[in-house]
PDB file of N, CA and C in Angstrom:
ATOM      1  N   MET A   1      19.026 -14.185 -21.184  1.00  0.00           N
ATOM      2  CA  MET A   1      19.147 -12.997 -20.366  1.00  0.00           C
ATOM      3  C   MET A   1      17.750 -12.518 -19.970  1.00  0.00           C
ATOM      4  N   MET A   2      17.550 -12.269 -18.683  1.00  0.00           N
ATOM      5  CA  MET A   2      16.245 -11.800 -18.205  1.00  0.00           C
ATOM      6  C   MET A   2      16.110 -10.307 -18.423  1.00  0.00           C
ATOM      7  N   ALA A   3      14.887  -9.882 -18.721  1.00  0.00           N
ATOM      8  CA  ALA A   3      14.617  -8.455 -18.857  1.00  0.00           C
ATOM      9  C   ALA A   3      14.632  -7.807 -17.480  1.00  0.00           C
ATOM     10  N   GLN A   4      15.045  -6.553 -17.445  1.00  0.00           N
ATOM     11  CA  GLN A   4      15.030  -5.811 -16.189  1.00  0.00           C
ATOM     12  C   GLN A   4      13.583  -5.590 -15.759  1.00  0.00           C
ATOM     13  N   PRO A   5      13.290  -5.685 -14.467  1.00  0.00           N
ATOM     14  CA  PRO A   5      11.923  -5.421 -14.019  1.00  0.00           C
ATOM     15  C   PRO A   5      11.577  -3.951 -14.234  1.00  0.00           C
ATOM     16  N   THR A   6      10.328  -3.683 -14.542  1.00  0.00           N
ATOM     17  CA  THR A   6       9.868  -2.315 -14.698  1.00  0.00           C
ATOM     18  C   THR A   6       9.707  -1.715 -13.304  1.00  0.00           C
ATOM     19  N   LEU A   7      10.407  -0.632 -13.068  1.00  0.00           N
ATOM     20  CA  LEU A   7      10.359   0.000 -11.759  1.00  0.00           C
ATOM     21  C   LEU A   7       9.157   0.932 -11.717  1.00  0.00           C
ATOM     22  N   SER A   8       8.070   0.399 -11.223  1.00  0.00           N
ATOM     23  CA  SER A   8       6.840   1.172 -11.156  1.00  0.00           C
ATOM     24  C   SER A   8       6.017   0.691  -9.970  1.00  0.00           C
ATOM     25  N   LEU A   9       4.928   1.379  -9.751  1.00  0.00           N
ATOM     26  CA  LEU A   9       4.016   0.989  -8.685  1.00  0.00           C
ATOM     27  C   LEU A   9       3.491  -0.425  -8.901  1.00  0.00           C
ATOM     28  N   ASP A  10       3.402  -0.860 -10.142  1.00  0.00           N
ATOM     29  CA  ASP A  10       2.904  -2.201 -10.433  1.00  0.00           C
ATOM     30  C   ASP A  10       3.729  -3.285  -9.744  1.00  0.00           C
ATOM     31  N   LEU A  11       5.010  -3.050  -9.576  1.00  0.00           N
ATOM     32  CA  LEU A  11       5.883  -4.026  -8.914  1.00  0.00           C
ATOM     33  C   LEU A  11       5.401  -4.271  -7.479  1.00  0.00           C
ATOM     34  N   LEU A  12       5.093  -3.196  -6.766  1.00  0.00           N
ATOM     35  CA  LEU A  12       4.594  -3.314  -5.393  1.00  0.00           C
ATOM     36  C   LEU A  12       3.155  -3.820  -5.369  1.00  0.00           C
ATOM     37  N   ALA A  13       2.309  -3.249  -6.205  1.00  0.00           N
ATOM     38  CA  ALA A  13       0.895  -3.626  -6.203  1.00  0.00           C
ATOM     39  C   ALA A  13       0.714  -5.110  -6.514  1.00  0.00           C
ATOM     40  N   ALA A  14       1.485  -5.630  -7.455  1.00  0.00           N
ATOM     41  CA  ALA A  14       1.365  -7.045  -7.803  1.00  0.00           C
ATOM     42  C   ALA A  14       1.778  -7.940  -6.639  1.00  0.00           C
ATOM     43  N   ALA A  15       2.703  -7.444  -5.794  1.00  0.00           N
ATOM     44  CA  ALA A  15       3.180  -8.245  -4.668  1.00  0.00           C
ATOM     45  C   ALA A  15       2.180  -8.290  -3.519  1.00  0.00           C
ATOM     46  N   ILE A  16       1.249  -7.326  -3.432  1.00  0.00           N
ATOM     47  CA  ILE A  16       0.347  -7.271  -2.283  1.00  0.00           C
ATOM     48  C   ILE A  16      -1.127  -7.331  -2.658  1.00  0.00           C
ATOM     49  N   ARG A  17      -1.502  -6.976  -3.864  1.00  0.00           N
ATOM     50  CA  ARG A  17      -2.923  -6.933  -4.252  1.00  0.00           C
ATOM     51  C   ARG A  17      -3.659  -8.237  -3.947  1.00  0.00           C
ATOM     52  N   PRO A  18      -3.129  -9.420  -4.286  1.00  0.00           N
ATOM     53  CA  PRO A  18      -3.876 -10.657  -3.997  1.00  0.00           C
ATOM     54  C   PRO A  18      -4.186 -10.824  -2.507  1.00  0.00           C
ATOM     55  N   ALA A  19      -3.236 -10.489  -1.629  1.00  0.00           N
ATOM     56  CA  ALA A  19      -3.477 -10.620  -0.192  1.00  0.00           C
ATOM     57  C   ALA A  19      -4.533  -9.621   0.277  1.00  0.00           C
ATOM     58  N   LEU A  20      -4.511  -8.402  -0.260  1.00  0.00           N
ATOM     59  CA  LEU A  20      -5.516  -7.408   0.121  1.00  0.00           C
ATOM     60  C   LEU A  20      -6.905  -7.840  -0.322  1.00  0.00           C
ATOM     61  N   LEU A  21      -7.018  -8.307  -1.548  1.00  0.00           N
ATOM     62  CA  LEU A  21      -8.326  -8.742  -2.054  1.00  0.00           C
ATOM     63  C   LEU A  21      -8.834  -9.952  -1.261  1.00  0.00           C
ATOM     64  N   ALA A  22      -7.937 -10.864  -0.911  1.00  0.00           N
ATOM     65  CA  ALA A  22      -8.329 -12.033  -0.127  1.00  0.00           C
ATOM     66  C   ALA A  22      -8.770 -11.640   1.283  1.00  0.00           C
ATOM     67  N   ALA A  23      -8.296 -10.485   1.781  1.00  0.00           N
ATOM     68  CA  ALA A  23      -8.655 -10.007   3.118  1.00  0.00           C
ATOM     69  C   ALA A  23      -9.835  -9.032   3.064  1.00  0.00           C
ATOM     70  N   ALA A  24     -10.621  -9.106   1.988  1.00  0.00           N
ATOM     71  CA  ALA A  24     -11.860  -8.323   1.825  1.00  0.00           C
ATOM     72  C   ALA A  24     -11.638  -6.842   1.554  1.00  0.00           C
ATOM     73  N   PHE A  25     -10.440  -6.461   1.110  1.00  0.00           N
ATOM     74  CA  PHE A  25     -10.234  -5.094   0.665  1.00  0.00           C
ATOM     75  C   PHE A  25     -10.734  -4.971  -0.765  1.00  0.00           C
ATOM     76  N   GLU A  26     -11.113  -3.770  -1.135  1.00  0.00           N
ATOM     77  CA  GLU A  26     -11.515  -3.508  -2.521  1.00  0.00           C
ATOM     78  C   GLU A  26     -10.661  -2.376  -3.059  1.00  0.00           C
ATOM     79  N   ASP A  27     -10.510  -2.353  -4.363  1.00  0.00           N
ATOM     80  CA  ASP A  27      -9.761  -1.292  -5.026  1.00  0.00           C
ATOM     81  C   ASP A  27     -10.512   0.013  -4.823  1.00  0.00           C
ATOM     82  N   ALA A  28      -9.833   1.042  -4.330  1.00  0.00           N
ATOM     83  CA  ALA A  28     -10.462   2.334  -4.055  1.00  0.00           C
ATOM     84  C   ALA A  28      -9.879   3.438  -4.922  1.00  0.00           C
ATOM     85  N   GLY A  29      -9.261   3.067  -6.036  1.00  0.00           N
ATOM     86  CA  GLY A  29      -8.784   4.066  -6.978  1.00  0.00           C
ATOM     87  C   GLY A  29      -7.277   4.205  -7.014  1.00  0.00           C
ATOM     88  N   SER A  30      -6.836   4.983  -7.979  1.00  0.00           N
ATOM     89  CA  SER A  30      -5.411   5.237  -8.157  1.00  0.00           C
ATOM     90  C   SER A  30      -5.241   6.620  -8.753  1.00  0.00           C
ATOM     91  N   GLY A  31      -4.021   7.102  -8.725  1.00  0.00           N
ATOM     92  CA  GLY A  31      -3.776   8.418  -9.281  1.00  0.00           C
ATOM     93  C   GLY A  31      -2.330   8.828  -9.151  1.00  0.00           C
ATOM     94  N   ILE A  32      -2.126  10.123  -9.341  1.00  0.00           N
ATOM     95  CA  ILE A  32      -0.797  10.712  -9.253  1.00  0.00           C
ATOM     96  C   ILE A  32      -0.901  11.945  -8.371  1.00  0.00           C
ATOM     97  N   SER A  33      -0.008  12.044  -7.394  1.00  0.00           N
ATOM     98  CA  SER A  33       0.100  13.233  -6.546  1.00  0.00           C
ATOM     99  C   SER A  33       1.522  13.755  -6.704  1.00  0.00           C
ATOM    100  N   GLY A  34       1.687  14.823  -7.452  1.00  0.00           N
ATOM    101  CA  GLY A  34       3.032  15.312  -7.750  1.00  0.00           C
ATOM    102  C   GLY A  34       3.761  14.279  -8.575  1.00  0.00           C
ATOM    103  N   SER A  35       4.905  13.807  -8.088  1.00  0.00           N
ATOM    104  CA  SER A  35       5.668  12.789  -8.812  1.00  0.00           C
ATOM    105  C   SER A  35       5.393  11.379  -8.284  1.00  0.00           C
ATOM    106  N   TYR A  36       4.441  11.256  -7.349  1.00  0.00           N
ATOM    107  CA  TYR A  36       4.113   9.956  -6.750  1.00  0.00           C
ATOM    108  C   TYR A  36       2.910   9.342  -7.452  1.00  0.00           C
ATOM    109  N   ARG A  37       3.044   8.100  -7.846  1.00  0.00           N
ATOM    110  CA  ARG A  37       1.890   7.331  -8.321  1.00  0.00           C
ATOM    111  C   ARG A  37       1.387   6.530  -7.131  1.00  0.00           C
ATOM    112  N   TRP A  38       0.079   6.388  -7.010  1.00  0.00           N
ATOM    113  CA  TRP A  38      -0.474   5.681  -5.867  1.00  0.00           C
ATOM    114  C   TRP A  38      -1.689   4.850  -6.279  1.00  0.00           C
ATOM    115  N   VAL A  39      -1.968   3.857  -5.438  1.00  0.00           N
ATOM    116  CA  VAL A  39      -3.173   3.045  -5.545  1.00  0.00           C
ATOM    117  C   VAL A  39      -3.670   2.837  -4.117  1.00  0.00           C
ATOM    118  N   ARG A  40      -4.988   2.859  -3.967  1.00  0.00           N
ATOM    119  CA  ARG A  40      -5.568   2.775  -2.617  1.00  0.00           C
ATOM    120  C   ARG A  40      -6.546   1.610  -2.555  1.00  0.00           C
ATOM    121  N   PHE A  41      -6.579   0.974  -1.382  1.00  0.00           N
ATOM    122  CA  PHE A  41      -7.507  -0.112  -1.099  1.00  0.00           C
ATOM    123  C   PHE A  41      -8.270   0.241   0.173  1.00  0.00           C
ATOM    124  N   ARG A  42      -9.524  -0.227   0.272  1.00  0.00           N
ATOM    125  CA  ARG A  42     -10.321   0.048   1.477  1.00  0.00           C
ATOM    126  C   ARG A  42     -11.111  -1.186   1.878  1.00  0.00           C
ATOM    127  N   ARG A  43     -11.402  -1.231   3.177  1.00  0.00           N
ATOM    128  CA  ARG A  43     -12.212  -2.317   3.727  1.00  0.00           C
ATOM    129  C   ARG A  43     -13.080  -1.734   4.839  1.00  0.00           C
ATOM    130  N   GLN A  44     -14.355  -2.099   4.845  1.00  0.00           N
ATOM    131  CA  GLN A  44     -15.281  -1.700   5.905  1.00  0.00           C
ATOM    132  C   GLN A  44     -15.019  -2.574   7.124  1.00  0.00           C
ATOM    133  N   GLU A  45     -14.995  -1.957   8.306  1.00  0.00           N
ATOM    134  CA  GLU A  45     -14.793  -2.688   9.551  1.00  0.00           C
ATOM    135  C   GLU A  45     -15.762  -2.155  10.597  1.00  0.00           C
ATOM    136  N   ALA A  46     -16.039  -2.958  11.604  1.00  0.00           N
ATOM    137  CA  ALA A  46     -16.933  -2.522  12.686  1.00  0.00           C
ATOM    138  C   ALA A  46     -16.490  -3.098  14.026  1.00  0.00           C
ATOM    139  N   PRO A  47     -15.274  -2.753  14.490  1.00  0.00           N
ATOM    140  CA  PRO A  47     -14.842  -3.252  15.800  1.00  0.00           C
ATOM    141  C   PRO A  47     -15.651  -2.572  16.908  1.00  0.00           C
ATOM    142  N   ALA A  48     -16.135  -3.345  17.839  1.00  0.00           N
ATOM    143  CA  ALA A  48     -16.921  -2.832  18.975  1.00  0.00           C
ATOM    144  C   ALA A  48     -18.085  -1.961  18.505  1.00  0.00           C
ATOM    145  N   GLY A  49     -18.629  -2.289  17.336  1.00  0.00           N
ATOM    146  CA  GLY A  49     -19.790  -1.571  16.828  1.00  0.00           C
ATOM    147  C   GLY A  49     -19.498  -0.239  16.159  1.00  0.00           C
ATOM    148  N   GLU A  50     -18.250   0.213  16.193  1.00  0.00           N
ATOM    149  CA  GLU A  50     -17.899   1.474  15.539  1.00  0.00           C
ATOM    150  C   GLU A  50     -17.637   1.221  14.054  1.00  0.00           C
ATOM    151  N   ARG A  51     -18.306   1.970  13.211  1.00  0.00           N
ATOM    152  CA  ARG A  51     -18.133   1.789  11.764  1.00  0.00           C
ATOM    153  C   ARG A  51     -16.890   2.527  11.288  1.00  0.00           C
ATOM    154  N   LEU A  52     -15.937   1.759  10.751  1.00  0.00           N
ATOM    155  CA  LEU A  52     -14.661   2.293  10.278  1.00  0.00           C
ATOM    156  C   LEU A  52     -14.388   1.836   8.865  1.00  0.00           C
ATOM    157  N   VAL A  53     -13.520   2.575   8.203  1.00  0.00           N
ATOM    158  CA  VAL A  53     -12.953   2.155   6.930  1.00  0.00           C
ATOM    159  C   VAL A  53     -11.447   2.103   7.123  1.00  0.00           C
ATOM    160  N   ARG A  54     -10.846   0.983   6.770  1.00  0.00           N
ATOM    161  CA  ARG A  54      -9.382   0.872   6.798  1.00  0.00           C
ATOM    162  C   ARG A  54      -8.893   1.178   5.391  1.00  0.00           C
ATOM    163  N   LEU A  55      -8.065   2.203   5.253  1.00  0.00           N
ATOM    164  CA  LEU A  55      -7.483   2.594   3.974  1.00  0.00           C
ATOM    165  C   LEU A  55      -6.012   2.218   3.956  1.00  0.00           C
ATOM    166  N   ILE A  56      -5.589   1.571   2.892  1.00  0.00           N
ATOM    167  CA  ILE A  56      -4.172   1.280   2.677  1.00  0.00           C
ATOM    168  C   ILE A  56      -3.795   1.890   1.340  1.00  0.00           C
ATOM    169  N   THR A  57      -2.785   2.752   1.373  1.00  0.00           N
ATOM    170  CA  THR A  57      -2.313   3.411   0.154  1.00  0.00           C
ATOM    171  C   THR A  57      -0.896   2.945  -0.133  1.00  0.00           C
ATOM    172  N   LEU A  58      -0.674   2.512  -1.353  1.00  0.00           N
ATOM    173  CA  LEU A  58       0.645   2.108  -1.833  1.00  0.00           C
ATOM    174  C   LEU A  58       1.115   3.174  -2.810  1.00  0.00           C
ATOM    175  N   SER A  59       2.373   3.582  -2.698  1.00  0.00           N
ATOM    176  CA  SER A  59       2.901   4.635  -3.562  1.00  0.00           C
ATOM    177  C   SER A  59       4.277   4.267  -4.074  1.00  0.00           C
ATOM    178  N   HIS A  60       4.629   4.874  -5.209  1.00  0.00           N
ATOM    179  CA  HIS A  60       5.974   4.737  -5.751  1.00  0.00           C
ATOM    180  C   HIS A  60       6.488   6.127  -6.067  1.00  0.00           C
ATOM    181  N   ALA A  61       7.631   6.470  -5.501  1.00  0.00           N
ATOM    182  CA  ALA A  61       8.299   7.744  -5.760  1.00  0.00           C
ATOM    183  C   ALA A  61       9.529   7.443  -6.604  1.00  0.00           C
ATOM    184  N   ALA A  62       9.359   7.493  -7.914  1.00  0.00           N
ATOM    185  CA  ALA A  62      10.436   7.102  -8.828  1.00  0.00           C
ATOM    186  C   ALA A  62      11.682   7.965  -8.644  1.00  0.00           C
ATOM    187  N   GLU A  63      11.489   9.269  -8.500  1.00  0.00           N
ATOM    188  CA  GLU A  63      12.645  10.164  -8.369  1.00  0.00           C
ATOM    189  C   GLU A  63      13.442   9.882  -7.105  1.00  0.00           C
ATOM    190  N   GLU A  64      12.756   9.468  -6.036  1.00  0.00           N
ATOM    191  CA  GLU A  64      13.441   9.151  -4.779  1.00  0.00           C
ATOM    192  C   GLU A  64      13.816   7.685  -4.677  1.00  0.00           C
ATOM    193  N   GLN A  65      13.457   6.896  -5.685  1.00  0.00           N
ATOM    194  CA  GLN A  65      13.708   5.458  -5.696  1.00  0.00           C
ATOM    195  C   GLN A  65      13.203   4.821  -4.405  1.00  0.00           C
ATOM    196  N   ALA A  66      11.884   4.975  -4.202  1.00  0.00           N
ATOM    197  CA  ALA A  66      11.293   4.459  -2.970  1.00  0.00           C
ATOM    198  C   ALA A  66       9.864   3.992  -3.199  1.00  0.00           C
ATOM    199  N   PHE A  67       9.495   2.951  -2.465  1.00  0.00           N
ATOM    200  CA  PHE A  67       8.120   2.490  -2.369  1.00  0.00           C
ATOM    201  C   PHE A  67       7.623   2.879  -0.985  1.00  0.00           C
ATOM    202  N   LEU A  68       6.362   3.312  -0.900  1.00  0.00           N
ATOM    203  CA  LEU A  68       5.792   3.726   0.374  1.00  0.00           C
ATOM    204  C   LEU A  68       4.439   3.057   0.558  1.00  0.00           C
ATOM    205  N   ALA A  69       4.064   2.877   1.813  1.00  0.00           N
ATOM    206  CA  ALA A  69       2.734   2.362   2.139  1.00  0.00           C
ATOM    207  C   ALA A  69       2.287   3.019   3.435  1.00  0.00           C
ATOM    208  N   ASP A  70       1.017   3.353   3.501  1.00  0.00           N
ATOM    209  CA  ASP A  70       0.474   3.838   4.761  1.00  0.00           C
ATOM    210  C   ASP A  70      -0.929   3.298   4.941  1.00  0.00           C
ATOM    211  N   ALA A  71      -1.342   3.246   6.203  1.00  0.00           N
ATOM    212  CA  ALA A  71      -2.667   2.736   6.542  1.00  0.00           C
ATOM    213  C   ALA A  71      -3.313   3.677   7.545  1.00  0.00           C
ATOM    214  N   TYR A  72      -4.612   3.883   7.357  1.00  0.00           N
ATOM    215  CA  TYR A  72      -5.403   4.729   8.245  1.00  0.00           C
ATOM    216  C   TYR A  72      -6.717   4.042   8.550  1.00  0.00           C
ATOM    217  N   LEU A  73      -7.221   4.276   9.757  1.00  0.00           N
ATOM    218  CA  LEU A  73      -8.593   3.935  10.095  1.00  0.00           C
ATOM    219  C   LEU A  73      -9.378   5.237  10.031  1.00  0.00           C
ATOM    220  N   VAL A  74     -10.481   5.212   9.326  1.00  0.00           N
ATOM    221  CA  VAL A  74     -11.306   6.406   9.161  1.00  0.00           C
ATOM    222  C   VAL A  74     -12.659   6.139   9.808  1.00  0.00           C
ATOM    223  N   ALA A  75     -13.006   6.946  10.806  1.00  0.00           N
ATOM    224  CA  ALA A  75     -14.309   6.817  11.467  1.00  0.00           C
ATOM    225  C   ALA A  75     -15.376   7.303  10.496  1.00  0.00           C
ATOM    226  N   ARG A  76     -16.360   6.452  10.220  1.00  0.00           N
ATOM    227  CA  ARG A  76     -17.401   6.801   9.255  1.00  0.00           C
ATOM    228  C   ARG A  76     -18.276   7.951   9.745  1.00  0.00           C
ATOM    229  N   LEU A  77     -18.472   8.051  11.046  1.00  0.00           N
ATOM    230  CA  LEU A  77     -19.344   9.074  11.599  1.00  0.00           C
ATOM    231  C   LEU A  77     -18.685  10.457  11.608  1.00  0.00           C
ATOM    232  N   THR A  78     -17.416  10.522  12.009  1.00  0.00           N
ATOM    233  CA  THR A  78     -16.732  11.817  12.166  1.00  0.00           C
ATOM    234  C   THR A  78     -15.688  12.101  11.090  1.00  0.00           C
ATOM    235  N   PHE A  79     -15.394  11.130  10.247  1.00  0.00           N
ATOM    236  CA  PHE A  79     -14.351  11.237   9.229  1.00  0.00           C
ATOM    237  C   PHE A  79     -12.984  11.555   9.834  1.00  0.00           C
ATOM    238  N   THR A  80     -12.752  11.053  11.039  1.00  0.00           N
ATOM    239  CA  THR A  80     -11.470  11.207  11.712  1.00  0.00           C
ATOM    240  C   THR A  80     -10.506  10.143  11.186  1.00  0.00           C
ATOM    241  N   TYR A  81      -9.329  10.590  10.755  1.00  0.00           N
ATOM    242  CA  TYR A  81      -8.308   9.681  10.238  1.00  0.00           C
ATOM    243  C   TYR A  81      -7.306   9.378  11.344  1.00  0.00           C
ATOM    244  N   THR A  82      -7.114   8.090  11.642  1.00  0.00           N
ATOM    245  CA  THR A  82      -6.139   7.671  12.635  1.00  0.00           C
ATOM    246  C   THR A  82      -5.079   6.839  11.930  1.00  0.00           C
ATOM    247  N   PRO A  83      -3.818   7.296  11.929  1.00  0.00           N
ATOM    248  CA  PRO A  83      -2.766   6.505  11.279  1.00  0.00           C
ATOM    249  C   PRO A  83      -2.506   5.216  12.047  1.00  0.00           C
ATOM    250  N   VAL A  84      -2.336   4.115  11.311  1.00  0.00           N
ATOM    251  CA  VAL A  84      -2.046   2.830  11.957  1.00  0.00           C
ATOM    252  C   VAL A  84      -0.812   2.150  11.378  1.00  0.00           C
ATOM    253  N   GLY A  85      -0.210   2.742  10.361  1.00  0.00           N
ATOM    254  CA  GLY A  85       0.997   2.153   9.804  1.00  0.00           C
ATOM    255  C   GLY A  85       1.589   3.010   8.708  1.00  0.00           C
ATOM    256  N   LYS A  86       2.919   3.026   8.655  1.00  0.00           N
ATOM    257  CA  LYS A  86       3.621   3.730   7.588  1.00  0.00           C
ATOM    258  C   LYS A  86       4.973   3.067   7.414  1.00  0.00           C
ATOM    259  N   GLU A  87       5.292   2.741   6.184  1.00  0.00           N
ATOM    260  CA  GLU A  87       6.561   2.072   5.875  1.00  0.00           C
ATOM    261  C   GLU A  87       7.112   2.647   4.576  1.00  0.00           C
ATOM    262  N   ILE A  88       8.422   2.656   4.463  1.00  0.00           N
ATOM    263  CA  ILE A  88       9.097   3.069   3.230  1.00  0.00           C
ATOM    264  C   ILE A  88      10.241   2.096   2.971  1.00  0.00           C
ATOM    265  N   ARG A  89      10.451   1.790   1.719  1.00  0.00           N
ATOM    266  CA  ARG A  89      11.583   0.947   1.318  1.00  0.00           C
ATOM    267  C   ARG A  89      12.255   1.634   0.135  1.00  0.00           C
ATOM    268  N   ARG A  90      13.542   1.915   0.284  1.00  0.00           N
ATOM    269  CA  ARG A  90      14.321   2.547  -0.780  1.00  0.00           C
ATOM    270  C   ARG A  90      15.099   1.480  -1.542  1.00  0.00           C
ATOM    271  N   TYR A  91      15.471   1.812  -2.759  1.00  0.00           N
ATOM    272  CA  TYR A  91      16.236   0.888  -3.587  1.00  0.00           C
ATOM    273  C   TYR A  91      17.210   1.676  -4.448  1.00  0.00           C
ATOM    274  N   GLY A  92      18.170   0.975  -5.013  1.00  0.00           N
ATOM    275  CA  GLY A  92      19.128   1.591  -5.937  1.00  0.00           C
ATOM    276  C   GLY A  92      19.026   0.955  -7.313  1.00  0.00           C
ATOM    277  N   THR A  93      19.220  -0.350  -7.341  1.00  0.00           N
ATOM    278  CA  THR A  93      19.201  -1.085  -8.612  1.00  0.00           C
ATOM    279  C   THR A  93      17.827  -1.715  -8.840  1.00  0.00           C
ATOM    280  N   PRO A  94      17.549  -2.140 -10.066  1.00  0.00           N
ATOM    281  CA  PRO A  94      16.285  -2.846 -10.317  1.00  0.00           C
ATOM    282  C   PRO A  94      16.130  -4.092  -9.445  1.00  0.00           C
ATOM    283  N   GLU A  95      17.224  -4.804  -9.213  1.00  0.00           N
ATOM    284  CA  GLU A  95      17.149  -5.992  -8.369  1.00  0.00           C
ATOM    285  C   GLU A  95      16.772  -5.615  -6.940  1.00  0.00           C
ATOM    286  N   GLU A  96      17.357  -4.523  -6.433  1.00  0.00           N
ATOM    287  CA  GLU A  96      17.016  -4.050  -5.093  1.00  0.00           C
ATOM    288  C   GLU A  96      15.555  -3.604  -5.029  1.00  0.00           C
ATOM    289  N   ALA A  97      15.031  -3.058  -6.130  1.00  0.00           N
ATOM    290  CA  ALA A  97      13.628  -2.626  -6.172  1.00  0.00           C
ATOM    291  C   ALA A  97      12.699  -3.820  -5.999  1.00  0.00           C
ATOM    292  N   VAL A  98      13.029  -4.931  -6.633  1.00  0.00           N
ATOM    293  CA  VAL A  98      12.214  -6.136  -6.495  1.00  0.00           C
ATOM    294  C   VAL A  98      12.204  -6.597  -5.041  1.00  0.00           C
ATOM    295  N   LEU A  99      13.369  -6.592  -4.400  1.00  0.00           N
ATOM    296  CA  LEU A  99      13.450  -6.982  -2.989  1.00  0.00           C
ATOM    297  C   LEU A  99      12.698  -5.991  -2.104  1.00  0.00           C
ATOM    298  N   ALA A 100      12.858  -4.701  -2.386  1.00  0.00           N
ATOM    299  CA  ALA A 100      12.181  -3.674  -1.581  1.00  0.00           C
ATOM    300  C   ALA A 100      10.670  -3.821  -1.683  1.00  0.00           C
ATOM    301  N   ALA A 101      10.159  -4.075  -2.882  1.00  0.00           N
ATOM    302  CA  ALA A 101       8.713  -4.249  -3.061  1.00  0.00           C
ATOM    303  C   ALA A 101       8.229  -5.469  -2.284  1.00  0.00           C
ATOM    304  N   GLY A 102       8.984  -6.552  -2.312  1.00  0.00           N
ATOM    305  CA  GLY A 102       8.610  -7.749  -1.565  1.00  0.00           C
ATOM    306  C   GLY A 102       8.627  -7.528  -0.059  1.00  0.00           C
ATOM    307  N   GLU A 103       9.642  -6.806   0.429  1.00  0.00           N
ATOM    308  CA  GLU A 103       9.716  -6.503   1.864  1.00  0.00           C
ATOM    309  C   GLU A 103       8.555  -5.623   2.305  1.00  0.00           C
ATOM    310  N   LEU A 104       8.227  -4.623   1.492  1.00  0.00           N
ATOM    311  CA  LEU A 104       7.133  -3.732   1.846  1.00  0.00           C
ATOM    312  C   LEU A 104       5.802  -4.472   1.793  1.00  0.00           C
ATOM    313  N   ALA A 105       5.622  -5.334   0.811  1.00  0.00           N
ATOM    314  CA  ALA A 105       4.396  -6.135   0.732  1.00  0.00           C
ATOM    315  C   ALA A 105       4.248  -6.998   1.979  1.00  0.00           C
ATOM    316  N   ALA A 106       5.348  -7.576   2.465  1.00  0.00           N
ATOM    317  CA  ALA A 106       5.294  -8.392   3.687  1.00  0.00           C
ATOM    318  C   ALA A 106       4.906  -7.545   4.886  1.00  0.00           C
ATOM    319  N   ALA A 107       5.413  -6.316   4.973  1.00  0.00           N
ATOM    320  CA  ALA A 107       5.053  -5.420   6.075  1.00  0.00           C
ATOM    321  C   ALA A 107       3.566  -5.070   6.013  1.00  0.00           C
ATOM    322  N   VAL A 108       3.047  -4.813   4.825  1.00  0.00           N
ATOM    323  CA  VAL A 108       1.638  -4.471   4.673  1.00  0.00           C
ATOM    324  C   VAL A 108       0.757  -5.657   5.050  1.00  0.00           C
ATOM    325  N   ARG A 109       1.155  -6.874   4.688  1.00  0.00           N
ATOM    326  CA  ARG A 109       0.375  -8.070   5.062  1.00  0.00           C
ATOM    327  C   ARG A 109       0.230  -8.168   6.574  1.00  0.00           C
ATOM    328  N   ARG A 110       1.243  -7.749   7.335  1.00  0.00           N
ATOM    329  CA  ARG A 110       1.168  -7.782   8.801  1.00  0.00           C
ATOM    330  C   ARG A 110       0.112  -6.799   9.321  1.00  0.00           C
ATOM    331  N   TRP A 111      -0.189  -5.752   8.564  1.00  0.00           N
ATOM    332  CA  TRP A 111      -1.208  -4.780   8.967  1.00  0.00           C
ATOM    333  C   TRP A 111      -2.629  -5.335   8.844  1.00  0.00           C
ATOM    334  N   LEU A 112      -2.817  -6.355   8.049  1.00  0.00           N
ATOM    335  CA  LEU A 112      -4.171  -6.828   7.738  1.00  0.00           C
ATOM    336  C   LEU A 112      -4.918  -7.309   8.965  1.00  0.00           C
ATOM    337  N   ASP A 113      -4.209  -7.832   9.952  1.00  0.00           N
ATOM    338  CA  ASP A 113      -4.857  -8.345  11.153  1.00  0.00           C
ATOM    339  C   ASP A 113      -4.644  -7.432  12.352  1.00  0.00           C
ATOM    340  N   ALA A 114      -3.974  -6.314  12.131  1.00  0.00           N
ATOM    341  CA  ALA A 114      -3.660  -5.395  13.249  1.00  0.00           C
ATOM    342  C   ALA A 114      -4.869  -4.550  13.608  1.00  0.00           C
TER     343      ALA A 114
END
């Protein structure tokens, strides 16, 4: 009998962290905001000479049974945040959580070249 997967942010982070690190993102910290646990990754970019930071935040809302991800481009000069992606995947059972984390990780991978 297989053990039930632990329903936590680690489920999502493990599904996407290797792809983020391979795409030159670095770990930018983690924490808790209310009932949400989150982990953030960042990468320096310079399209057309403009210095930007791409931030990707992964979150788990246990009470809402949802995984979330968002991405922003932050202008280094003005600190202007421009949203470039937001996704949510809800689940009911532990098995659905595993699928939801995998689906969300696939959506985040598509952001890497956007």
